[in-house]
Amino acid sequence: VRCVYHPETGEVDSPEVAKAKRNRLSCKWSGALLDFTVHLGNCQVHAAVCEPRAPGRGLSDGGLASASAPREAREAREARSLRGICVVTEPYQVATPGTLSVQRGMHVWVNDVGEHHAEWAWGQLYQDFQTVSDPAWVPRCV
């Protein structure tokens, strides 16, 4: 997947992406879906366009994780807490019931990247500021 702020992402309907474009900010990160949540937690563009968060508060309670927390614990907490839009870079056709078919360039709203499903994320197709599919599993590698 690509960062939602990647210059080649195309149109993503989100106030944060619109603000980044207005300010000519972009991020060239791309990688596996399983790494997206950690990236988003460290993305300078995302940090620049999002509302400031109270110091010392975790992601799940509205703030960034404390800089003094061990990196591994912070990344695990972020992986469970962050949700957001991913842009598909590799197509996936349904091979198993309960999974989501995706094509390159589609947007997926990631609902959960829990630690119990190392190869999969729980998400929905996202278009025009709303989800447009039922939630289903999608491989993290797309």
Protein backbone atom coordinates (compact mmCIF):
# COMPACT_ATOMS: atom_id res chain seq x y z
CA VAL A 1 0.00 0.00 0.00
CA ARG A 2 0.97 3.66 -0.25
CA CYS A 3 0.65 6.38 2.32
CA VAL A 4 -2.58 8.32 1.75
CA TYR A 5 -0.37 11.41 1.34
CA HIS A 6 1.69 9.81 -1.48
CA PRO A 7 1.73 12.02 -4.60
CA GLU A 8 0.56 9.10 -6.80
CA THR A 9 -2.32 8.05 -4.53
CA GLY A 10 -4.97 9.88 -6.52
CA GLU A 11 -8.09 11.32 -4.96
CA VAL A 12 -8.74 10.36 -1.35
CA ASP A 13 -11.76 12.01 0.20
CA SER A 14 -10.47 13.08 3.59
CA PRO A 15 -10.03 16.50 5.22
CA GLU A 16 -6.46 15.60 6.20
CA VAL A 17 -5.48 14.70 2.63
CA ALA A 18 -7.11 17.89 1.32
CA LYS A 19 -5.17 19.96 3.88
CA ALA A 20 -1.90 18.24 2.90
CA LYS A 21 -2.53 18.99 -0.77
CA ARG A 22 -3.37 22.63 -0.04
CA ASN A 23 -0.08 22.92 1.84
CA ARG A 24 1.82 20.99 -0.86
CA LEU A 25 2.82 18.25 1.55
CA SER A 26 3.36 14.67 0.43
CA CYS A 27 4.86 11.42 1.67
CA LYS A 28 6.53 8.88 -0.62
CA TRP A 29 6.21 5.91 1.75
CA SER A 30 4.94 2.61 0.36
CA GLY A 31 5.08 -0.82 1.92
CA ALA A 32 3.09 -3.75 3.20
CA LEU A 33 -0.29 -3.12 4.80
CA LEU A 34 1.00 -4.64 8.02
CA ASP A 35 3.49 -1.75 8.27
CA PHE A 36 0.98 1.00 7.45
CA THR A 37 -0.21 1.71 10.97
CA VAL A 38 3.32 2.11 12.31
CA HIS A 39 4.15 4.35 9.34
CA LEU A 40 1.09 6.53 9.88
CA GLY A 41 2.08 6.97 13.51
CA ASN A 42 5.46 8.29 12.33
CA CYS A 43 4.38 10.08 9.12
CA GLN A 44 5.48 13.71 9.25
CA VAL A 45 2.77 14.79 6.80
CA HIS A 46 0.05 13.09 8.85
CA ALA A 47 1.37 14.74 12.01
CA ALA A 48 1.43 18.13 10.27
CA VAL A 49 -2.19 18.00 9.07
CA CYS A 50 -3.86 16.37 12.06
CA GLU A 51 -5.08 18.20 15.12
CA PRO A 52 -2.43 18.48 17.82
CA ARG A 53 -2.75 15.84 20.49
CA ALA A 54 -2.20 16.19 24.19
CA PRO A 55 1.31 15.18 25.31
CA GLY A 56 1.64 11.93 27.20
CA ARG A 57 -1.67 10.47 25.97
CA GLY A 58 -1.81 7.26 23.93
CA LEU A 59 -3.27 6.99 20.45
CA SER A 60 -6.44 5.33 21.66
CA ASP A 61 -7.21 8.22 24.03
CA GLY A 62 -6.51 11.00 21.54
CA GLY A 63 -2.79 11.65 21.90
CA LEU A 64 0.50 10.43 20.54
CA ALA A 65 2.33 7.72 22.40
CA SER A 66 4.90 9.01 24.87
CA ALA A 67 8.39 9.33 23.43
CA SER A 68 9.78 7.70 26.55
CA ALA A 69 7.80 4.46 26.00
CA PRO A 70 9.84 1.56 24.62
CA ARG A 71 9.60 1.54 20.82
CA GLU A 72 8.29 -2.03 20.58
CA ALA A 73 5.47 -1.41 23.05
CA ARG A 74 4.55 1.86 21.32
CA GLU A 75 4.48 0.20 17.88
CA ALA A 76 2.32 -2.67 19.17
CA ARG A 77 -0.12 -0.19 20.72
CA GLU A 78 -0.20 1.87 17.51
CA ALA A 79 -0.81 -1.24 15.39
CA ARG A 80 -3.88 -2.03 17.49
CA SER A 81 -5.13 1.57 17.73
CA LEU A 82 -4.64 3.24 14.37
CA ARG A 83 -7.30 3.03 11.74
CA GLY A 84 -7.30 4.75 8.43
CA ILE A 85 -7.30 4.74 4.67
CA CYS A 86 -4.84 2.65 2.69
CA VAL A 87 -4.33 2.71 -1.05
CA VAL A 88 -4.04 -0.75 -2.62
CA THR A 89 -0.85 -1.29 -4.64
CA GLU A 90 -1.33 -5.01 -5.42
CA PRO A 91 -4.61 -6.62 -6.53
CA TYR A 92 -6.19 -9.46 -4.57
CA GLN A 93 -9.03 -11.68 -5.80
CA VAL A 94 -11.23 -13.43 -3.27
CA ALA A 95 -9.89 -16.91 -2.66
CA THR A 96 -11.55 -17.45 0.70
CA PRO A 97 -15.09 -16.56 1.82
CA GLY A 98 -15.10 -13.49 4.05
CA THR A 99 -12.25 -11.77 2.23
CA LEU A 100 -12.35 -8.59 0.15
CA SER A 101 -11.38 -8.41 -3.54
CA VAL A 102 -9.33 -5.29 -4.24
CA GLN A 103 -7.71 -3.75 -7.30
CA ARG A 104 -4.72 -1.46 -7.53
CA GLY A 105 -5.69 2.13 -6.68
CA MET A 106 -8.74 1.25 -4.57
CA HIS A 107 -9.01 2.75 -1.10
CA VAL A 108 -9.52 0.52 1.93
CA TRP A 109 -10.58 1.82 5.33
CA VAL A 110 -8.65 -0.35 7.80
CA ASN A 111 -10.78 -1.06 10.87
CA ASP A 112 -8.44 -3.45 12.67
CA VAL A 113 -4.90 -4.70 12.34
CA GLY A 114 -5.01 -6.77 15.50
CA GLU A 115 -2.10 -8.91 16.56
CA HIS A 116 -4.14 -12.13 16.29
CA HIS A 117 -4.25 -11.93 12.49
CA ALA A 118 -0.65 -11.44 11.35
CA GLU A 119 -1.43 -11.86 7.64
CA TRP A 120 -4.79 -10.07 7.45
CA ALA A 121 -6.45 -6.73 8.20
CA TRP A 122 -10.19 -6.12 8.75
CA GLY A 123 -11.38 -3.41 6.38
CA GLN A 124 -13.93 -1.99 3.99
CA LEU A 125 -13.77 -0.33 0.58
CA TYR A 126 -13.83 3.45 0.94
CA GLN A 127 -15.06 6.00 -1.59
CA ASP A 128 -16.58 9.50 -1.49
CA PHE A 129 -16.13 9.98 2.28
CA GLN A 130 -17.85 6.71 3.17
CA THR A 131 -17.38 2.97 3.29
CA VAL A 132 -18.98 1.21 0.34
CA SER A 133 -18.68 -2.47 1.26
CA ASP A 134 -19.32 -4.77 4.15
CA PRO A 135 -16.28 -5.33 6.37
CA ALA A 136 -14.11 -8.27 5.38
CA TRP A 137 -10.55 -9.53 5.65
CA VAL A 138 -7.93 -8.23 3.22
CA PRO A 139 -4.32 -9.48 3.04
CA ARG A 140 -1.92 -7.07 4.69
CA CYS A 141 0.53 -7.48 1.81
CA VAL A 142 -1.68 -5.58 -0.67
